[in-house]
N, C-alpha and C. Protein backbone atom coordinates (compact mmCIF):
# COMPACT_ATOMS: atom_id res chain seq x y z
N MET A 1 -19.68 8.69 84.12
CA MET A 1 -18.33 7.67 83.11
C MET A 1 -18.91 7.06 81.91
N PRO A 2 -18.03 7.24 80.83
CA PRO A 2 -17.88 6.61 79.51
C PRO A 2 -17.80 4.85 79.76
N LYS A 3 -18.20 4.33 79.22
CA LYS A 3 -17.81 2.78 79.63
C LYS A 3 -16.74 2.37 77.81
N ILE A 4 -15.72 1.70 78.91
CA ILE A 4 -14.66 2.02 77.79
C ILE A 4 -13.57 0.29 77.94
N ILE A 5 -13.51 -0.02 76.10
CA ILE A 5 -13.05 -1.19 76.51
C ILE A 5 -11.98 -0.99 75.93
N VAL A 6 -10.23 -1.40 76.27
CA VAL A 6 -9.49 -1.64 75.32
C VAL A 6 -8.93 -2.90 75.36
N TYR A 7 -8.19 -2.83 74.10
CA TYR A 7 -7.49 -4.78 73.52
C TYR A 7 -6.51 -4.58 73.70
N LEU A 8 -5.49 -5.22 74.41
CA LEU A 8 -3.89 -5.50 74.81
C LEU A 8 -3.51 -6.47 74.85
N GLY A 9 -2.03 -6.52 74.69
CA GLY A 9 -1.58 -7.71 75.20
C GLY A 9 0.18 -7.64 75.43
N LEU A 10 1.29 -7.77 74.83
CA LEU A 10 2.05 -7.25 75.31
C LEU A 10 2.79 -6.00 75.18
N SER A 11 1.95 -5.18 73.93
CA SER A 11 2.49 -4.05 74.29
C SER A 11 3.00 -3.33 76.09
N ILE A 12 2.19 -3.56 76.21
CA ILE A 12 1.65 -3.11 77.70
C ILE A 12 1.11 -3.93 78.65
N LEU A 13 1.12 -4.19 80.45
CA LEU A 13 0.76 -5.05 80.80
C LEU A 13 -0.35 -4.51 81.26
N GLU A 14 -1.06 -5.22 81.70
CA GLU A 14 -2.69 -4.72 81.92
C GLU A 14 -2.40 -4.38 83.15
N ASP A 15 -1.53 -4.34 84.48
CA ASP A 15 -1.55 -3.96 85.50
C ASP A 15 -1.05 -2.23 84.95
N GLU A 16 -0.14 -1.53 84.67
CA GLU A 16 0.03 -0.54 84.01
C GLU A 16 -0.69 0.19 83.65
N ALA A 17 -1.33 -0.63 82.63
CA ALA A 17 -2.28 0.09 81.75
C ALA A 17 -3.73 0.59 82.77
N LYS A 18 -4.01 -0.27 83.95
CA LYS A 18 -5.12 0.13 84.74
C LYS A 18 -4.63 1.37 85.57
N SER A 19 -3.66 1.79 85.60
CA SER A 19 -2.70 2.61 86.54
C SER A 19 -3.26 3.77 85.72
N ILE A 20 -3.19 3.93 84.50
CA ILE A 20 -3.81 4.81 83.67
C ILE A 20 -4.58 4.93 83.15
N LEU A 21 -5.63 4.45 82.88
CA LEU A 21 -7.04 4.13 82.76
C LEU A 21 -8.09 3.18 83.01
N ASP A 22 -9.18 3.77 83.81
CA ASP A 22 -9.86 2.93 83.75
C ASP A 22 -11.01 2.63 83.05
N ALA A 23 -10.82 0.96 82.82
CA ALA A 23 -11.45 0.79 81.55
C ALA A 23 -11.60 -0.92 81.78
N ASP A 24 -11.97 -1.64 80.94
CA ASP A 24 -12.37 -2.58 80.59
C ASP A 24 -11.64 -3.12 80.24
N PHE A 25 -10.30 -4.19 80.13
CA PHE A 25 -8.99 -4.50 79.34
C PHE A 25 -9.54 -5.71 79.23
N LYS A 26 -9.66 -5.99 77.92
CA LYS A 26 -9.69 -7.77 77.27
C LYS A 26 -7.87 -7.84 76.38
N PRO A 27 -8.13 -9.23 76.06
CA PRO A 27 -7.17 -9.85 75.48
C PRO A 27 -6.81 -9.14 74.23
N PRO A 28 -5.71 -9.62 73.26
CA PRO A 28 -5.46 -8.98 72.15
C PRO A 28 -7.05 -9.24 70.98
N VAL A 29 -7.22 -8.22 70.26
CA VAL A 29 -8.67 -8.44 69.21
C VAL A 29 -8.28 -9.29 68.26
N LYS A 30 -9.39 -10.02 68.32
CA LYS A 30 -9.65 -10.47 66.96
C LYS A 30 -10.66 -10.78 66.45
N ARG A 31 -10.98 -11.49 65.33
CA ARG A 31 -11.68 -11.29 64.36
C ARG A 31 -13.40 -11.46 65.44
N GLY A 32 -14.03 -11.15 65.35
CA GLY A 32 -15.47 -11.29 65.68
C GLY A 32 -15.58 -10.42 67.58
N ASP A 33 -14.19 -9.93 67.95
CA ASP A 33 -14.32 -9.20 69.02
C ASP A 33 -15.15 -8.26 69.36
N ILE A 34 -14.97 -7.14 68.36
CA ILE A 34 -15.55 -6.14 68.19
C ILE A 34 -17.21 -5.95 67.87
N LEU A 35 -17.20 -6.40 67.04
CA LEU A 35 -18.94 -7.30 66.90
C LEU A 35 -19.65 -7.47 68.37
N LYS A 36 -18.97 -8.15 69.52
CA LYS A 36 -19.55 -8.88 70.83
C LYS A 36 -18.98 -7.29 71.59
N ALA A 37 -18.32 -6.68 71.12
CA ALA A 37 -18.03 -5.32 72.00
C ALA A 37 -19.34 -4.39 71.86
N ILE A 38 -19.60 -4.06 70.72
CA ILE A 38 -20.69 -3.46 70.61
C ILE A 38 -22.21 -3.87 71.33
N ALA A 39 -22.45 -4.99 71.33
CA ALA A 39 -23.21 -5.52 71.97
C ALA A 39 -23.61 -4.62 73.28
N GLU A 40 -21.93 -4.97 74.33
CA GLU A 40 -21.76 -3.80 75.16
C GLU A 40 -22.14 -3.05 75.35
N LYS A 41 -22.33 -2.14 74.21
CA LYS A 41 -22.97 -0.48 74.29
C LYS A 41 -21.53 0.46 74.63
N PRO A 42 -20.37 0.15 74.64
CA PRO A 42 -19.33 0.93 74.85
C PRO A 42 -19.38 2.32 74.13
N ASP A 43 -18.53 3.21 74.80
CA ASP A 43 -18.66 4.44 74.31
C ASP A 43 -17.29 4.98 73.49
N ILE A 44 -16.12 4.10 73.96
CA ILE A 44 -14.73 4.13 73.53
C ILE A 44 -14.50 2.83 73.41
N ILE A 45 -14.03 2.36 72.18
CA ILE A 45 -12.88 1.20 71.90
C ILE A 45 -12.26 1.70 71.51
N GLY A 46 -10.66 0.94 72.37
CA GLY A 46 -9.46 1.38 71.86
C GLY A 46 -8.63 0.17 71.48
N ILE A 47 -8.04 0.13 70.58
CA ILE A 47 -7.16 -1.30 70.25
C ILE A 47 -6.03 -1.22 70.03
N ILE A 48 -5.54 -1.74 71.19
CA ILE A 48 -3.76 -1.77 71.24
C ILE A 48 -2.88 -2.90 70.09
N ASP A 49 -3.48 -4.25 71.08
CA ASP A 49 -2.81 -5.28 70.42
C ASP A 49 -3.83 -6.03 69.72
N GLY A 50 -3.44 -6.99 68.88
CA GLY A 50 -4.41 -8.14 67.89
C GLY A 50 -3.53 -9.20 67.40
N VAL A 51 -4.69 -10.15 67.22
CA VAL A 51 -3.90 -11.47 66.80
C VAL A 51 -3.92 -11.56 65.62
N PHE A 52 -2.79 -12.05 64.84
CA PHE A 52 -2.25 -11.66 63.36
C PHE A 52 -2.39 -13.00 62.78
N HIS A 53 -1.70 -13.74 62.68
CA HIS A 53 -1.44 -15.06 62.11
C HIS A 53 -2.17 -16.32 62.92
N HIS A 54 -2.21 -16.66 64.09
CA HIS A 54 -2.97 -17.62 64.88
C HIS A 54 -4.22 -17.83 64.42
N SER A 55 -4.83 -16.56 64.37
CA SER A 55 -6.23 -16.53 64.46
C SER A 55 -6.92 -15.27 63.28
N PRO A 56 -8.22 -15.55 62.55
CA PRO A 56 -8.09 -14.49 61.96
C PRO A 56 -8.25 -13.33 62.71
N ALA A 57 -7.78 -12.02 61.71
CA ALA A 57 -7.23 -10.39 62.15
C ALA A 57 -8.84 -9.94 62.32
N VAL A 58 -8.82 -9.05 63.87
CA VAL A 58 -10.08 -8.01 63.37
C VAL A 58 -10.20 -7.39 62.03
N ALA A 59 -11.74 -7.56 61.80
CA ALA A 59 -12.21 -6.97 60.28
C ALA A 59 -12.25 -6.09 60.29
N HIS A 60 -11.94 -4.83 59.10
CA HIS A 60 -12.57 -3.63 58.92
C HIS A 60 -13.68 -3.70 59.46
N LYS A 61 -14.64 -4.29 59.03
CA LYS A 61 -16.00 -3.77 58.61
C LYS A 61 -16.56 -4.16 59.70
N GLU A 62 -15.87 -4.88 61.12
CA GLU A 62 -16.59 -4.78 62.47
C GLU A 62 -16.22 -3.33 63.06
N ILE A 63 -15.40 -3.08 62.49
CA ILE A 63 -14.84 -1.84 62.99
C ILE A 63 -15.36 -0.50 62.20
N MET A 64 -15.51 -0.81 61.41
CA MET A 64 -16.49 0.36 60.50
C MET A 64 -18.25 0.12 61.14
N LYS A 65 -18.39 -1.07 61.58
CA LYS A 65 -19.67 -1.14 62.47
C LYS A 65 -20.05 -0.67 63.94
N ALA A 66 -18.91 -0.28 64.44
CA ALA A 66 -19.25 0.46 65.77
C ALA A 66 -19.01 1.48 65.43
N LEU A 67 -18.14 2.41 64.10
CA LEU A 67 -18.02 3.63 64.10
C LEU A 67 -19.42 4.09 63.85
N ASP A 68 -19.59 3.27 62.43
CA ASP A 68 -21.36 3.33 62.58
C ASP A 68 -22.11 4.04 63.77
N LYS A 69 -22.59 2.96 64.88
CA LYS A 69 -22.79 3.07 65.68
C LYS A 69 -22.80 4.36 66.56
N GLY A 70 -21.74 4.78 66.63
CA GLY A 70 -21.14 6.45 67.18
C GLY A 70 -20.43 5.99 68.50
N ILE A 71 -19.84 4.74 68.39
CA ILE A 71 -18.69 4.04 69.41
C ILE A 71 -17.13 5.05 68.66
N THR A 72 -16.68 5.58 69.63
CA THR A 72 -15.19 6.06 69.42
C THR A 72 -14.72 5.04 69.28
N VAL A 73 -13.64 4.87 68.20
CA VAL A 73 -12.52 4.50 67.94
C VAL A 73 -10.97 4.44 67.69
N VAL A 74 -10.42 4.53 68.90
CA VAL A 74 -9.34 4.87 68.40
C VAL A 74 -7.89 3.01 68.64
N GLY A 75 -6.84 3.95 67.94
CA GLY A 75 -5.99 2.91 67.89
C GLY A 75 -4.68 3.46 67.90
N GLY A 76 -3.23 2.14 68.28
CA GLY A 76 -2.19 2.37 67.86
C GLY A 76 -1.15 1.42 68.26
N SER A 77 -0.24 2.07 68.25
CA SER A 77 0.92 0.66 68.81
C SER A 77 1.11 -0.34 68.02
N SER A 78 0.30 -1.07 67.84
CA SER A 78 0.34 -2.59 67.19
C SER A 78 -0.56 -2.86 66.00
N MET A 79 -1.62 -4.13 66.02
CA MET A 79 -2.76 -4.12 65.45
C MET A 79 -3.67 -2.72 65.55
N GLY A 80 -3.84 -1.81 66.27
CA GLY A 80 -4.39 -0.46 66.34
C GLY A 80 -3.96 0.50 65.17
N ALA A 81 -2.59 0.47 65.72
CA ALA A 81 -2.04 1.77 64.91
C ALA A 81 -2.22 1.26 63.06
N LEU A 82 -1.93 -0.26 62.58
CA LEU A 82 -2.09 -0.74 61.22
C LEU A 82 -4.03 -0.23 61.25
N ARG A 83 -5.06 -0.98 61.53
CA ARG A 83 -6.29 -0.31 61.52
C ARG A 83 -6.53 0.78 61.53
N ALA A 84 -6.18 1.27 62.13
CA ALA A 84 -6.40 2.84 62.29
C ALA A 84 -5.61 3.69 60.91
N SER A 85 -4.98 3.46 60.44
CA SER A 85 -3.89 4.08 58.80
C SER A 85 -4.91 3.11 58.13
N GLU A 86 -5.79 2.65 58.21
CA GLU A 86 -6.43 2.39 56.85
C GLU A 86 -8.41 2.54 57.31
N LEU A 87 -8.30 2.76 58.48
CA LEU A 87 -9.79 3.44 58.78
C LEU A 87 -10.22 4.90 59.40
N ASP A 88 -8.84 5.61 59.16
CA ASP A 88 -8.92 7.02 59.73
C ASP A 88 -9.68 7.63 58.85
N ASP A 89 -9.89 7.87 57.41
CA ASP A 89 -10.99 8.52 57.16
C ASP A 89 -12.04 8.20 57.04
N LEU A 90 -12.42 6.94 57.95
CA LEU A 90 -13.72 6.54 58.07
C LEU A 90 -14.36 7.25 59.55
N GLY A 91 -12.99 7.89 60.34
CA GLY A 91 -13.49 8.05 61.70
C GLY A 91 -12.40 7.53 62.99
N MET A 92 -12.04 6.85 62.47
CA MET A 92 -10.88 5.90 63.50
C MET A 92 -9.68 6.35 64.02
N VAL A 93 -9.80 7.32 64.90
CA VAL A 93 -8.29 7.66 65.42
C VAL A 93 -7.26 7.20 65.48
N GLY A 94 -5.94 7.54 65.09
CA GLY A 94 -4.88 7.13 64.98
C GLY A 94 -3.96 7.55 65.57
N ILE A 95 -3.30 6.95 66.90
CA ILE A 95 -2.18 7.71 67.32
C ILE A 95 -0.93 7.18 67.41
N GLY A 96 -0.23 8.14 67.93
CA GLY A 96 1.60 7.40 68.19
C GLY A 96 2.33 7.27 66.72
N TYR A 97 3.77 6.90 66.81
CA TYR A 97 4.17 6.69 65.87
C TYR A 97 4.65 5.59 64.81
N VAL A 98 3.85 4.42 65.49
CA VAL A 98 3.87 3.03 64.56
C VAL A 98 2.67 3.95 63.70
N TYR A 99 1.45 4.32 64.17
CA TYR A 99 0.32 4.56 63.50
C TYR A 99 0.83 5.50 62.23
N ARG A 100 1.80 6.58 62.53
CA ARG A 100 2.15 7.70 61.62
C ARG A 100 3.27 7.26 60.51
N GLN A 101 3.80 5.71 60.68
CA GLN A 101 4.82 5.26 60.01
C GLN A 101 3.67 4.16 58.96
N TYR A 102 2.87 3.70 59.16
CA TYR A 102 1.54 3.23 58.44
C TYR A 102 1.11 3.76 57.67
N LYS A 103 0.93 5.31 57.74
CA LYS A 103 0.11 6.02 57.83
C LYS A 103 1.19 6.74 55.84
N SER A 104 2.01 6.83 56.79
CA SER A 104 2.96 7.76 55.64
C SER A 104 3.68 6.47 54.52
N GLY A 105 3.25 5.02 54.57
CA GLY A 105 4.33 4.30 54.17
C GLY A 105 5.17 4.13 54.01
N ALA A 106 5.68 4.07 55.40
CA ALA A 106 7.44 4.31 55.78
C ALA A 106 7.34 2.62 56.05
N ILE A 107 5.95 1.86 56.62
CA ILE A 107 5.88 0.34 56.86
C ILE A 107 4.68 0.32 56.34
N THR A 108 4.69 -0.88 55.73
CA THR A 108 3.38 -1.68 54.81
C THR A 108 2.83 -2.90 55.59
N SER A 109 3.01 -3.03 55.85
CA SER A 109 2.89 -4.96 56.74
C SER A 109 2.79 -5.23 57.87
N ASP A 110 1.41 -6.29 58.15
CA ASP A 110 1.35 -6.39 59.65
C ASP A 110 3.24 -7.06 60.30
N ASP A 111 3.98 -7.70 59.78
CA ASP A 111 5.16 -8.50 59.80
C ASP A 111 5.88 -7.60 60.94
N ASP A 112 5.54 -5.74 60.25
CA ASP A 112 6.33 -5.11 61.25
C ASP A 112 6.14 -4.95 62.94
N VAL A 113 5.19 -5.42 63.08
CA VAL A 113 4.43 -5.13 64.12
C VAL A 113 4.39 -6.39 64.84
N ALA A 114 4.45 -7.60 64.17
CA ALA A 114 4.46 -9.16 65.04
C ALA A 114 5.46 -9.50 65.22
N LEU A 115 5.00 -10.34 66.69
CA LEU A 115 6.35 -10.78 67.05
C LEU A 115 5.34 -12.14 68.10
N SER A 116 6.26 -13.17 68.72
CA SER A 116 6.32 -14.45 68.76
C SER A 116 5.73 -14.31 70.51
N PHE A 117 4.98 -15.06 71.22
CA PHE A 117 5.08 -14.92 72.75
C PHE A 117 4.75 -16.32 72.69
N ASP A 118 5.37 -16.35 74.68
CA ASP A 118 5.17 -17.84 75.18
C ASP A 118 4.05 -17.14 76.18
N PRO A 119 2.65 -17.83 75.72
CA PRO A 119 1.47 -17.40 76.50
C PRO A 119 1.66 -18.16 77.57
N GLU A 120 2.09 -19.02 78.29
CA GLU A 120 1.88 -19.40 79.50
C GLU A 120 3.10 -18.74 80.00
N ARG A 121 4.32 -18.07 79.76
CA ARG A 121 4.45 -17.10 80.70
C ARG A 121 4.24 -15.41 80.11
N ASN A 122 3.75 -15.89 79.60
CA ASN A 122 3.26 -14.24 78.81
C ASN A 122 4.64 -13.04 78.81
N ILE A 123 5.52 -13.57 77.93
CA ILE A 123 6.48 -13.25 77.71
C ILE A 123 6.96 -13.02 76.37
N THR A 124 8.02 -12.11 76.02
CA THR A 124 7.63 -12.40 74.09
C THR A 124 8.87 -13.33 73.48
N LEU A 125 8.88 -13.46 72.64
CA LEU A 125 10.42 -14.40 72.43
C LEU A 125 10.65 -14.23 71.27
N SER A 126 10.38 -12.83 70.48
CA SER A 126 10.62 -12.39 69.36
C SER A 126 10.74 -10.56 69.50
N GLU A 127 10.93 -9.62 68.51
CA GLU A 127 10.86 -8.85 68.72
C GLU A 127 10.10 -7.98 67.40
N ALA A 128 9.99 -6.83 67.50
CA ALA A 128 8.70 -6.56 66.48
C ALA A 128 10.42 -4.99 65.77
N LEU A 129 9.59 -5.93 64.29
CA LEU A 129 11.12 -5.21 63.23
C LEU A 129 10.84 -3.69 63.89
N VAL A 130 9.27 -2.94 63.92
CA VAL A 130 9.13 -1.70 64.15
C VAL A 130 9.70 -1.32 65.58
N ASN A 131 10.06 -1.77 66.73
CA ASN A 131 10.84 -1.49 67.89
C ASN A 131 12.30 -1.62 67.89
N ILE A 132 12.54 -1.85 66.66
CA ILE A 132 14.18 -2.47 66.22
C ILE A 132 14.72 -1.49 65.63
N ASP A 133 13.84 -1.03 64.23
CA ASP A 133 13.98 0.44 63.56
C ASP A 133 13.95 1.28 64.61
N TYR A 134 13.29 1.60 65.45
CA TYR A 134 12.74 2.72 65.92
C TYR A 134 14.51 2.59 66.95
N LYS A 135 14.77 2.01 67.64
CA LYS A 135 16.10 1.72 68.22
C LYS A 135 17.18 1.96 67.62
N LEU A 136 17.68 1.60 66.37
CA LEU A 136 18.82 1.83 65.37
C LEU A 136 18.64 2.91 64.92
N ASN A 137 17.41 3.61 64.35
CA ASN A 137 17.43 4.67 64.26
C ASN A 137 18.25 6.35 65.40
N LEU A 138 17.72 5.77 66.50
CA LEU A 138 17.73 6.48 67.75
C LEU A 138 19.90 5.86 68.29
N ALA A 139 19.88 4.85 67.71
CA ALA A 139 21.47 4.53 68.08
C ALA A 139 22.38 5.21 66.67
N ALA A 140 22.02 5.47 65.63
CA ALA A 140 22.08 6.21 64.23
C ALA A 140 22.75 7.95 64.63
N ASP A 141 21.10 8.20 65.64
CA ASP A 141 21.60 9.86 65.87
C ASP A 141 22.44 10.38 66.92
N LYS A 142 22.64 8.69 67.45
CA LYS A 142 23.56 9.35 68.84
C LYS A 142 25.18 8.69 68.35
N GLU A 143 25.27 8.77 66.88
CA GLU A 143 26.29 7.85 66.49
C GLU A 143 27.22 6.40 66.97
N ILE A 144 26.20 5.89 67.33
CA ILE A 144 26.95 4.51 67.84
C ILE A 144 26.90 4.04 66.79
N ILE A 145 26.22 3.30 66.02
CA ILE A 145 26.34 3.09 64.34
C ILE A 145 26.07 4.05 63.28
N THR A 146 26.88 4.11 62.57
CA THR A 146 26.46 4.71 61.08
C THR A 146 25.39 4.19 60.37
N GLU A 147 24.80 5.06 59.70
CA GLU A 147 23.60 4.81 58.77
C GLU A 147 23.77 3.72 57.70
N GLU A 148 24.88 3.34 57.46
CA GLU A 148 24.98 2.10 56.73
C GLU A 148 25.24 1.28 57.50
N GLU A 149 25.50 0.97 58.50
CA GLU A 149 25.61 -0.41 59.66
C GLU A 149 23.84 -0.48 60.02
N LYS A 150 23.28 0.50 60.46
CA LYS A 150 21.98 0.64 60.90
C LYS A 150 21.15 -0.33 59.34
N ASP A 151 21.25 0.15 58.55
CA ASP A 151 20.36 0.07 57.56
C ASP A 151 21.00 -1.73 56.59
N ASN A 152 21.82 -1.98 57.38
CA ASN A 152 22.58 -3.50 57.46
C ASN A 152 21.70 -4.16 58.01
N ILE A 153 21.46 -4.11 59.15
CA ILE A 153 21.15 -4.45 60.65
C ILE A 153 19.39 -4.38 60.48
N HIS A 154 18.97 -3.33 59.88
CA HIS A 154 17.43 -3.36 59.03
C HIS A 154 17.75 -4.90 58.28
N ASN A 155 18.21 -4.96 57.27
CA ASN A 155 17.88 -5.60 56.20
C ASN A 155 17.78 -7.09 56.55
N ILE A 156 18.61 -7.31 57.94
CA ILE A 156 19.13 -8.46 58.56
C ILE A 156 18.10 -8.85 59.02
N ALA A 157 17.66 -7.83 60.06
CA ALA A 157 16.33 -8.19 60.77
C ALA A 157 15.29 -8.62 59.60
N LYS A 158 15.08 -7.81 58.61
CA LYS A 158 13.65 -8.25 58.41
C LYS A 158 13.92 -9.56 57.79
N ASP A 159 14.96 -9.76 56.84
CA ASP A 159 15.20 -11.40 56.81
C ASP A 159 15.13 -12.58 57.30
N ILE A 160 14.69 -12.08 59.02
CA ILE A 160 14.46 -13.44 59.90
C ILE A 160 13.03 -12.99 59.81
N TYR A 161 12.06 -14.52 59.87
CA TYR A 161 11.10 -14.76 59.95
C TYR A 161 10.82 -14.41 61.20
N TYR A 162 9.66 -13.91 61.33
CA TYR A 162 9.22 -12.81 62.41
C TYR A 162 9.42 -13.05 64.22
N PRO A 163 8.61 -14.90 63.99
CA PRO A 163 9.01 -15.76 65.82
C PRO A 163 10.53 -16.02 65.76
N LYS A 164 11.78 -15.73 64.94
CA LYS A 164 12.59 -15.70 65.14
C LYS A 164 13.22 -14.60 65.26
N ARG A 165 12.62 -13.64 65.13
CA ARG A 165 13.31 -12.56 65.25
C ARG A 165 13.55 -12.04 66.46
N SER A 166 14.83 -12.34 66.92
CA SER A 166 15.28 -11.84 68.57
C SER A 166 17.04 -11.04 67.96
N TYR A 167 17.12 -10.58 68.87
CA TYR A 167 18.18 -9.82 69.04
C TYR A 167 19.52 -10.78 68.83
N GLN A 168 19.45 -11.82 69.54
CA GLN A 168 20.50 -13.00 69.21
C GLN A 168 20.70 -13.52 68.32
N ASN A 169 19.38 -14.13 67.30
CA ASN A 169 19.62 -14.07 65.95
C ASN A 169 20.00 -13.11 64.98
N ILE A 170 19.57 -11.94 65.61
CA ILE A 170 20.06 -10.99 64.41
C ILE A 170 21.56 -10.35 64.60
N PHE A 171 21.81 -10.46 65.89
CA PHE A 171 23.36 -10.10 65.87
C PHE A 171 23.99 -11.60 65.33
N SER A 172 23.94 -12.75 65.70
CA SER A 172 24.59 -13.72 64.99
C SER A 172 25.18 -13.63 63.53
N LYS A 173 24.53 -12.39 63.04
CA LYS A 173 24.88 -12.33 61.81
C LYS A 173 25.43 -11.24 61.12
N VAL A 174 25.30 -10.22 62.26
CA VAL A 174 25.95 -9.38 61.82
C VAL A 174 27.48 -9.08 62.22
N GLU A 175 28.10 -8.36 61.15
CA GLU A 175 29.31 -8.49 61.14
C GLU A 175 29.84 -6.69 61.94
N MET A 176 30.50 -7.12 63.06
CA MET A 176 30.97 -5.61 63.64
C MET A 176 31.32 -5.80 64.78
N GLU A 177 32.85 -4.83 65.07
CA GLU A 177 33.69 -5.41 66.18
C GLU A 177 32.82 -5.20 66.72
N ASP A 178 33.58 -6.34 67.93
CA ASP A 178 33.01 -7.16 69.15
C ASP A 178 32.50 -6.19 70.35
N GLU A 179 33.62 -4.44 70.48
CA GLU A 179 33.08 -3.90 71.53
C GLU A 179 32.04 -3.18 70.86
N LYS A 180 31.90 -2.57 69.92
CA LYS A 180 30.92 -2.00 69.07
C LYS A 180 29.73 -2.74 69.22
N LYS A 181 29.36 -4.02 69.42
CA LYS A 181 28.40 -4.34 68.80
C LYS A 181 27.48 -4.69 70.21
N THR A 182 28.56 -4.70 71.46
CA THR A 182 28.29 -5.09 72.90
C THR A 182 27.73 -4.33 73.30
N LYS A 183 27.95 -2.69 72.45
CA LYS A 183 27.69 -1.14 73.03
C LYS A 183 25.98 -1.04 72.51
N LEU A 184 26.06 -1.72 71.17
CA LEU A 184 24.82 -1.06 70.80
C LEU A 184 23.45 -1.92 71.19
N ILE A 185 23.86 -3.41 71.55
CA ILE A 185 23.12 -4.45 72.16
C ILE A 185 22.72 -3.56 73.23
N GLU A 186 23.72 -3.21 74.30
CA GLU A 186 23.22 -2.78 75.63
C GLU A 186 22.22 -1.59 75.46
N PHE A 187 22.59 -0.58 74.60
CA PHE A 187 21.71 0.69 73.80
C PHE A 187 20.45 0.10 73.91
N LEU A 188 19.82 -0.80 72.72
CA LEU A 188 18.90 -1.76 72.05
C LEU A 188 17.83 -1.82 73.13
N LEU A 189 18.69 -2.83 74.03
CA LEU A 189 18.03 -3.78 75.27
C LEU A 189 17.73 -2.42 75.86
N LYS A 190 17.93 -1.55 76.76
CA LYS A 190 17.92 -0.38 77.39
C LYS A 190 16.90 0.52 77.10
N GLU A 191 16.76 1.14 75.87
CA GLU A 191 15.68 1.56 75.55
C GLU A 191 14.21 0.95 75.32
N LYS A 192 12.91 1.70 76.10
CA LYS A 192 12.24 0.98 75.82
C LYS A 192 10.83 0.83 74.26
N ASP A 193 10.53 -0.04 74.22
CA ASP A 193 9.91 -0.15 73.22
C ASP A 193 9.07 0.81 72.66
N ILE A 194 9.01 1.49 71.13
CA ILE A 194 8.47 2.39 70.67
C ILE A 194 6.68 1.88 70.68
N LYS A 195 6.82 0.66 70.96
CA LYS A 195 4.79 -0.43 70.64
C LYS A 195 4.52 0.24 72.24
N TYR A 196 5.35 0.10 73.38
CA TYR A 196 4.80 0.36 74.61
C TYR A 196 4.70 2.01 74.69
N LEU A 197 5.73 2.40 74.11
CA LEU A 197 5.25 4.09 74.40
C LEU A 197 3.94 4.78 73.63
N ASP A 198 3.54 4.12 72.55
CA ASP A 198 2.37 4.39 71.51
C ASP A 198 1.30 3.81 72.84
N ALA A 199 1.59 2.52 73.42
CA ALA A 199 0.10 2.09 73.91
C ALA A 199 0.09 3.16 74.96
N ILE A 200 1.25 3.72 75.80
CA ILE A 200 0.95 4.47 77.13
C ILE A 200 -0.23 5.72 76.54
N GLU A 201 0.25 6.28 75.32
CA GLU A 201 0.14 7.39 73.93
C GLU A 201 -1.54 7.01 74.16
N VAL A 202 -1.69 6.03 73.43
CA VAL A 202 -3.20 5.61 73.18
C VAL A 202 -4.51 5.74 74.65
N LEU A 203 -3.27 5.10 75.39
CA LEU A 203 -4.36 5.60 76.81
C LEU A 203 -4.56 6.67 77.49
N ASP A 204 -3.51 7.47 77.32
CA ASP A 204 -3.51 8.85 77.85
C ASP A 204 -4.64 9.77 76.81
N TYR A 205 -4.74 9.47 75.74
CA TYR A 205 -5.28 9.99 74.72
C TYR A 205 -7.01 9.51 75.25
N ILE A 206 -6.86 8.54 75.09
CA ILE A 206 -8.62 8.03 75.50
C ILE A 206 -8.37 8.26 76.99
N LYS A 207 -8.16 8.51 77.83
CA LYS A 207 -8.02 9.17 79.19
C LYS A 207 -9.07 10.70 78.83
N ASN A 208 -7.77 11.32 77.87
CA ASN A 208 -8.36 12.56 78.01
C ASN A 208 -9.66 12.98 76.89
N LEU A 209 -10.18 12.05 76.59
CA LEU A 209 -11.90 12.10 76.01
C LEU A 209 -13.15 11.95 77.07
N GLU A 210 -12.67 11.21 78.39
CA GLU A 210 -13.40 10.86 79.44
C GLU A 210 -14.39 12.41 79.77
């Protein structure tokens, strides 16, 4: 059995992750964590969630050091997607929609995947912009909203500082007929977050490496 270390947070809960993959699950990765992981001699490191603004983010050099040691490093969903888009040329494996968005240049900032959360209750307090945009695209495809309305909501969401980027704050600024707005909000809340779906894809990919 290969030794696997996976860093995750709110993209997918640990209990569900454990039902998919047998691994050593650790909290969101931060600067220095990969160097500590290397000392444990893992075969595979998975990066899903990471710290962005509260502590220094995981450094490119430490991931490169893991790759140099022959460790397979897989990333997707959130911080993993961002770092994979920057380091896939050096051997890091990128998985999922968010990774492809970064790789294509459709999104460029860590702000697109960042959110705020309550550490005591382990719940999110804001919405990641990449999740909002993914769901708005689905809503436009289903003709719940027009392309113009989608772009307008995106611009409103992007202008809100990420810790305050909640659906309540977004839609308090959206001018739309009440019935249509209610239908859209219900749709957005019902659809699964793309960061969650990508996290599952990362875990499944690692499982198939075993």
